[in-house]
Amino acid sequence: MALNYYLRNNNLKKIVLAGASGFIGTRLIDITGKENCLNIDKAPSTKYNDITLIHDIRENHLDGMLPEETDTLVLLAAEHRDDVTPVSLYFEVNVEGTRNVLAAMEKRGIQKIIFTSSAAVYGLNKENPDENFPREPTSHYGKSKKQAEELLINWQAKDPENRSLTIIRSAVVFGENNRGNVFNLLRQISKGRFMMIGKGENRKSMAYVGNIAEFIRYCIETNKPGCRIINYADKPDLTMNELVTQVEQSLNKRLPPIRLPYWLGRLGGFGFDALSFLTGIKFPITGIRIKKFCASTQLDATLVQSSDFKAPYSLADGLDRTLRNEFKN
């Protein structure tokens, strides 16, 4: 059924989205139009299941699911949570899955791919890295994304006159219907359970889902043979103090000005890690999440800002829309 729907309008540019059952992919289909898209994902889509084929990119035989009419493949599928076990899953999905996608594209003669990578390839506490900054990932997720990028760059280099590759290194993405670390932070503030760890002066680059989806569509419409690597973040970067203040104002809440020193927060995170190891229960507070919370994770987005792409929402708009959808009601 999904494949038949995808092929119905032959005059439209055909886009295969690998891993679009999540919140970024759903938003991308919203703005692109489902008549243009086919979603291939290991999980059903809550909104677009009629154009979804169930498949895990770790498995072979993906080429049989890719229509010959495909113009562009957008690879969104990834293992990205920071509490994944075993850690080999990062490499099975993000690296070997990418290898399988590229093999299937070669069999079908598909020449254009857009890959959503991550600022995690640069590592933590880097000073506003641009696209030429050395990639020094510290997490398994970042290391797997770096390896996937290398596979993609090598693939494009084999036929540079015909193959089109766009790698989008995005800051942390937040928005409606996301359940990642930013959502957990906003939820804790909304419930009055948040406590600042450290000085709160570290800066965070962030990307609103409505903007990153529009940017992916922009990349689909402007892709051409070659390799382009682009950082994406919505500016300005906020310190953690500024972010918390903005959320407090939007929710009309005031949190007690209590802070934990960084060392004590890290110690508490390690305690939850030990408890998780003993019980098998995953807790929202972990050592790595405390470390990431207190780290500066900035991106230089000069390249995208100097392009003719215009984000439809400001960062403040994105935060307010997310808070209104998730917490105000």
Protein backbone atom coordinates (compact mmCIF):
# COMPACT_ATOMS: atom_id res chain seq x y z
CA MET A 1 0.00 0.00 0.00
CA ALA A 2 2.75 2.45 0.92
CA LEU A 3 4.71 1.76 -2.25
CA ASN A 4 1.61 2.13 -4.43
CA TYR A 5 0.81 5.48 -2.82
CA TYR A 6 4.39 6.62 -3.40
CA LEU A 7 4.26 5.82 -7.11
CA ARG A 8 0.80 7.25 -7.78
CA ASN A 9 1.87 10.76 -8.83
CA ASN A 10 4.67 10.12 -11.31
CA ASN A 11 5.21 13.82 -12.08
CA LEU A 12 6.45 14.56 -8.54
CA LYS A 13 10.01 14.32 -7.24
CA LYS A 14 10.19 11.10 -5.23
CA ILE A 15 11.86 11.09 -1.83
CA VAL A 16 12.63 8.04 0.30
CA LEU A 17 13.00 8.80 3.99
CA ALA A 18 14.84 6.16 6.01
CA GLY A 19 13.81 6.49 9.64
CA ALA A 20 11.02 9.06 9.33
CA SER A 21 8.65 7.65 11.95
CA GLY A 22 10.27 9.92 14.54
CA PHE A 23 9.49 13.56 15.24
CA ILE A 24 11.90 15.07 12.68
CA GLY A 25 10.76 12.77 9.88
CA THR A 26 7.09 13.32 10.69
CA ARG A 27 7.58 17.09 10.54
CA LEU A 28 9.47 16.73 7.24
CA ILE A 29 6.59 14.76 5.70
CA ASP A 30 4.17 17.41 7.02
CA ILE A 31 5.87 20.14 5.00
CA THR A 32 6.94 18.09 1.98
CA GLY A 33 3.62 16.34 1.41
CA LYS A 34 3.13 12.63 1.83
CA GLU A 35 2.36 12.20 -1.88
CA ASN A 36 6.07 12.89 -2.48
CA CYS A 37 7.42 10.56 0.20
CA LEU A 38 7.99 6.95 1.15
CA ASN A 39 9.03 6.20 4.72
CA ILE A 40 11.11 3.12 5.55
CA ASP A 41 11.44 2.57 9.29
CA LYS A 42 11.71 -0.29 11.78
CA ALA A 43 8.79 1.28 13.71
CA PRO A 44 5.32 2.24 12.46
CA SER A 45 4.51 5.91 11.99
CA THR A 46 1.79 7.32 14.25
CA LYS A 47 0.77 9.79 11.55
CA TYR A 48 1.90 8.45 8.18
CA ASN A 49 1.67 4.69 8.43
CA ASP A 50 -0.04 4.53 5.03
CA ILE A 51 3.26 5.52 3.36
CA THR A 52 5.49 3.50 5.71
CA LEU A 53 7.27 0.23 4.98
CA ILE A 54 8.66 -1.65 7.98
CA HIS A 55 12.35 -2.48 7.66
CA ASP A 56 15.45 -2.28 9.85
CA ILE A 57 18.42 -0.79 7.96
CA ARG A 58 20.72 -3.24 9.75
CA GLU A 59 19.18 -5.91 7.55
CA ASN A 60 20.04 -6.50 3.90
CA HIS A 61 17.63 -6.49 0.93
CA LEU A 62 16.76 -2.82 1.32
CA ASP A 63 17.20 -2.33 -2.43
CA GLY A 64 13.99 -4.25 -3.11
CA MET A 65 12.07 -1.55 -1.22
CA LEU A 66 13.58 1.42 -3.10
CA PRO A 67 11.53 2.41 -6.15
CA GLU A 68 13.46 3.15 -9.33
CA GLU A 69 11.68 6.54 -9.43
CA THR A 70 13.51 7.64 -6.27
CA ASP A 71 15.27 10.97 -6.73
CA THR A 72 16.70 11.53 -3.22
CA LEU A 73 17.17 9.42 -0.11
CA VAL A 74 17.14 11.16 3.28
CA LEU A 75 18.85 9.07 5.95
CA LEU A 76 17.40 9.97 9.35
CA ALA A 77 17.60 6.53 10.98
CA ALA A 78 20.01 6.46 13.91
CA GLU A 79 20.65 5.03 17.33
CA HIS A 80 21.11 8.22 19.32
CA ARG A 81 19.98 7.94 22.95
CA ASP A 82 22.84 8.33 25.41
CA ASP A 83 21.89 5.27 27.47
CA VAL A 84 21.91 2.64 24.71
CA THR A 85 23.07 -0.84 25.69
CA PRO A 86 24.99 -2.58 24.36
CA VAL A 87 27.07 0.24 22.89
CA SER A 88 27.66 -1.88 19.78
CA LEU A 89 24.15 -0.85 18.68
CA TYR A 90 25.46 2.62 17.80
CA PHE A 91 27.81 1.10 15.24
CA GLU A 92 25.41 -1.57 14.01
CA VAL A 93 22.73 1.02 13.19
CA ASN A 94 24.66 4.18 12.43
CA VAL A 95 27.62 2.67 10.57
CA GLU A 96 26.56 -0.72 9.18
CA GLY A 97 23.06 0.60 8.55
CA THR A 98 24.54 3.42 6.48
CA ARG A 99 26.66 0.90 4.60
CA ASN A 100 23.53 -1.12 3.78
CA VAL A 101 21.69 2.00 2.59
CA LEU A 102 24.55 2.96 0.27
CA ALA A 103 24.73 -0.57 -1.14
CA ALA A 104 21.00 -0.50 -1.86
CA MET A 105 21.30 2.91 -3.51
CA GLU A 106 24.05 1.64 -5.79
CA LYS A 107 21.92 -1.30 -6.88
CA ARG A 108 19.04 1.05 -7.68
CA GLY A 109 21.14 3.78 -9.27
CA ILE A 110 20.11 6.45 -6.73
CA GLN A 111 22.64 9.27 -6.79
CA LYS A 112 21.46 11.73 -4.13
CA ILE A 113 21.55 11.33 -0.35
CA ILE A 114 21.04 13.69 2.58
CA PHE A 115 22.45 12.46 5.89
CA THR A 116 21.58 13.88 9.29
CA SER A 117 24.76 13.77 11.33
CA SER A 118 25.41 15.52 14.63
CA ALA A 119 27.51 18.11 16.41
CA ALA A 120 28.64 15.15 18.52
CA VAL A 121 31.32 14.44 15.90
CA TYR A 122 33.25 17.47 17.23
CA GLY A 123 33.24 16.36 20.87
CA LEU A 124 32.35 18.36 23.99
CA ASN A 125 33.55 21.80 25.08
CA LYS A 126 34.88 22.84 21.68
CA GLU A 127 35.02 26.54 20.88
CA ASN A 128 32.28 27.13 18.32
CA PRO A 129 33.52 24.60 15.71
CA ASP A 130 32.85 25.24 12.04
CA GLU A 131 32.64 22.58 9.33
CA ASN A 132 36.44 22.40 8.97
CA PHE A 133 37.05 21.85 12.67
CA PRO A 134 38.74 18.54 13.59
CA ARG A 135 36.29 15.79 14.45
CA GLU A 136 37.17 14.46 17.89
CA PRO A 137 34.06 12.70 19.21
CA THR A 138 34.08 11.51 22.79
CA SER A 139 30.83 9.50 22.84
CA HIS A 140 30.07 6.23 21.10
CA TYR A 141 27.26 8.01 19.29
CA GLY A 142 29.62 10.70 17.99
CA LYS A 143 32.21 8.11 16.96
CA SER A 144 29.60 6.11 15.04
CA LYS A 145 28.37 9.25 13.25
CA LYS A 146 31.94 10.12 12.29
CA GLN A 147 32.45 6.64 10.80
CA ALA A 148 29.15 6.92 8.91
CA GLU A 149 30.24 10.27 7.48
CA GLU A 150 33.46 8.69 6.23
CA LEU A 151 31.51 5.94 4.45
CA LEU A 152 29.33 8.55 2.77
CA ILE A 153 32.23 10.79 1.72
CA ASN A 154 34.04 7.81 0.20
CA TRP A 155 30.86 6.78 -1.63
CA GLN A 156 30.45 10.24 -3.17
CA ALA A 157 34.13 10.43 -4.14
CA LYS A 158 33.79 7.30 -6.29
CA ASP A 159 31.58 9.21 -8.77
CA PRO A 160 31.96 12.92 -7.95
CA GLU A 161 30.48 14.14 -11.24
CA ASN A 162 27.13 12.44 -10.62
CA ARG A 163 26.71 11.74 -6.91
CA SER A 164 25.25 14.29 -4.51
CA LEU A 165 25.94 14.13 -0.76
CA THR A 166 24.72 16.55 1.90
CA ILE A 167 25.80 16.00 5.51
CA ILE A 168 23.91 18.09 8.08
CA ARG A 169 25.70 18.31 11.42
CA SER A 170 22.93 19.50 13.66
CA ALA A 171 22.91 20.86 17.17
CA VAL A 172 20.57 19.11 19.60
CA VAL A 173 17.08 19.14 18.11
CA PHE A 174 14.00 19.87 20.22
CA GLY A 175 10.35 20.43 19.50
CA GLU A 176 6.84 19.12 19.77
CA ASN A 177 6.55 15.34 20.34
CA ASN A 178 10.24 14.86 21.05
CA ARG A 179 11.18 12.92 24.17
CA GLY A 180 14.92 13.58 24.30
CA ASN A 181 17.16 15.36 26.76
CA VAL A 182 15.77 18.84 26.05
CA PHE A 183 12.24 17.59 26.70
CA ASN A 184 13.38 16.04 29.99
CA LEU A 185 14.93 19.36 31.00
CA LEU A 186 11.77 21.31 30.11
CA ARG A 187 9.61 18.78 31.95
CA GLN A 188 11.69 19.07 35.12
CA ILE A 189 11.40 22.87 35.01
CA SER A 190 7.64 22.70 34.37
CA LYS A 191 7.19 20.46 37.41
CA GLY A 192 9.39 22.63 39.60
CA ARG A 193 11.87 19.80 40.10
CA PHE A 194 14.82 21.36 38.30
CA MET A 195 18.06 22.24 40.08
CA MET A 196 20.95 23.95 38.31
CA ILE A 197 24.21 22.04 38.38
CA GLY A 198 27.34 24.13 38.08
CA LYS A 199 27.44 27.85 37.28
CA GLY A 200 25.09 27.63 34.30
CA GLU A 201 27.39 29.74 32.14
CA ASN A 202 28.01 27.05 29.53
CA ARG A 203 26.40 27.80 26.16
CA LYS A 204 24.23 25.46 24.10
CA SER A 205 23.52 25.52 20.39
CA MET A 206 20.02 24.18 19.68
CA ALA A 207 17.81 23.54 16.66
CA TYR A 208 14.02 23.69 16.58
CA VAL A 209 12.39 20.78 14.74
CA GLY A 210 10.31 23.09 12.53
CA ASN A 211 13.49 24.77 11.28
CA ILE A 212 15.61 21.66 10.79
CA ALA A 213 12.78 20.01 8.82
CA GLU A 214 12.53 23.09 6.59
CA PHE A 215 16.30 23.06 6.14
CA ILE A 216 16.26 19.41 5.06
CA ARG A 217 13.59 20.28 2.51
CA TYR A 218 15.76 23.18 1.33
CA CYS A 219 18.67 20.74 0.89
CA ILE A 220 16.46 18.37 -1.11
CA GLU A 221 15.46 21.20 -3.44
CA THR A 222 19.00 22.52 -3.91
CA ASN A 223 21.09 19.36 -4.04
CA LYS A 224 23.41 18.86 -6.98
CA PRO A 225 26.50 16.71 -7.65
CA GLY A 226 29.18 17.25 -5.06
CA CYS A 227 29.74 16.97 -1.32
CA ARG A 228 28.53 19.65 1.07
CA ILE A 229 28.85 19.54 4.85
CA ILE A 230 26.79 22.04 6.82
CA ASN A 231 26.41 22.79 10.51
CA TYR A 232 22.86 23.63 11.58
CA ALA A 233 21.85 25.57 14.70
CA ASP A 234 19.30 28.27 15.48
CA LYS A 235 20.96 31.33 16.94
CA PRO A 236 21.64 32.92 19.33
CA ASP A 237 23.22 30.32 21.59
CA LEU A 238 21.89 30.52 25.13
CA THR A 239 23.68 29.88 28.39
CA MET A 240 21.94 27.37 30.62
CA ASN A 241 20.99 30.26 32.92
CA GLU A 242 19.38 32.12 29.99
CA LEU A 243 17.59 29.00 28.77
CA VAL A 244 16.12 28.27 32.20
CA THR A 245 15.06 31.91 32.64
CA GLN A 246 13.32 31.90 29.25
CA VAL A 247 11.45 28.70 30.09
CA GLU A 248 10.46 30.08 33.51
CA GLN A 249 9.04 33.20 31.86
CA SER A 250 7.17 31.24 29.22
CA LEU A 251 5.62 28.92 31.83
CA ASN A 252 5.13 31.70 34.38
CA LYS A 253 7.12 29.76 36.96
CA ARG A 254 9.87 30.73 39.34
CA LEU A 255 12.30 28.08 40.54
CA PRO A 256 14.18 28.31 43.85
CA PRO A 257 17.73 29.62 43.25
CA ILE A 258 19.40 26.45 44.52
CA ARG A 259 22.51 25.16 42.76
CA LEU A 260 24.60 22.05 43.08
CA PRO A 261 28.35 22.26 42.51
CA TYR A 262 29.47 20.37 39.42
CA TRP A 263 31.45 17.77 41.36
CA LEU A 264 28.43 16.90 43.48
CA GLY A 265 26.17 16.64 40.44
CA ARG A 266 28.63 14.29 38.73
CA LEU A 267 28.88 12.19 41.89
CA GLY A 268 25.09 11.89 41.97
CA GLY A 269 25.07 10.89 38.31
CA PHE A 270 27.58 8.12 38.98
CA GLY A 271 25.39 6.97 41.84
CA PHE A 272 22.42 6.59 39.49
CA ASP A 273 24.69 4.76 37.02
CA ALA A 274 25.64 2.25 39.71
CA LEU A 275 22.00 1.82 40.73
CA SER A 276 21.03 1.27 37.10
CA PHE A 277 23.76 -1.37 36.73
CA LEU A 278 22.53 -3.23 39.80
CA THR A 279 18.80 -3.05 39.08
CA GLY A 280 18.65 -2.95 35.27
CA ILE A 281 16.45 0.17 35.50
CA LYS A 282 17.31 3.20 33.34
CA PHE A 283 17.07 6.49 35.23
CA PRO A 284 16.65 9.98 33.74
CA ILE A 285 19.75 11.16 35.60
CA THR A 286 23.05 9.61 34.50
CA GLY A 287 26.70 10.52 34.67
CA ILE A 288 26.93 11.24 30.93
CA ARG A 289 23.79 13.41 31.01
CA ILE A 290 25.19 15.50 33.84
CA LYS A 291 28.44 15.89 31.91
CA LYS A 292 26.60 16.92 28.73
CA PHE A 293 24.33 19.29 30.65
CA CYS A 294 27.31 21.16 32.09
CA ALA A 295 29.37 21.15 28.87
CA SER A 296 29.42 23.86 26.21
CA THR A 297 28.11 22.43 22.96
CA GLN A 298 28.23 25.24 20.43
CA LEU A 299 28.24 25.20 16.64
CA ASP A 300 29.38 27.80 14.14
CA ALA A 301 26.39 28.13 11.80
CA THR A 302 27.85 30.90 9.61
CA LEU A 303 27.60 28.80 6.47
CA VAL A 304 23.85 28.20 6.73
CA GLN A 305 23.24 31.77 7.91
CA SER A 306 25.03 33.10 4.81
CA SER A 307 22.92 30.94 2.48
CA ASP A 308 19.53 31.96 1.13
CA PHE A 309 17.77 29.63 3.57
CA LYS A 310 15.58 31.49 6.03
CA ALA A 311 14.41 29.67 9.15
CA PRO A 312 10.66 30.17 9.63
CA TYR A 313 10.91 30.33 13.43
CA SER A 314 13.20 32.08 15.87
CA LEU A 315 14.72 30.02 18.67
CA ALA A 316 12.43 31.80 21.14
CA ASP A 317 9.41 30.95 18.95
CA GLY A 318 10.46 27.30 18.85
CA LEU A 319 10.82 27.11 22.62
CA ASP A 320 7.47 28.79 23.17
CA ARG A 321 5.68 26.53 20.66
CA THR A 322 7.21 23.45 22.30
CA LEU A 323 6.31 24.55 25.81
CA ARG A 324 2.77 25.50 24.79
CA ASN A 325 2.23 22.13 23.11
CA GLU A 326 3.80 19.94 25.78
CA PHE A 327 3.26 21.67 29.10
CA LYS A 328 0.99 24.72 29.13
CA ASN A 329 -2.17 22.66 28.63
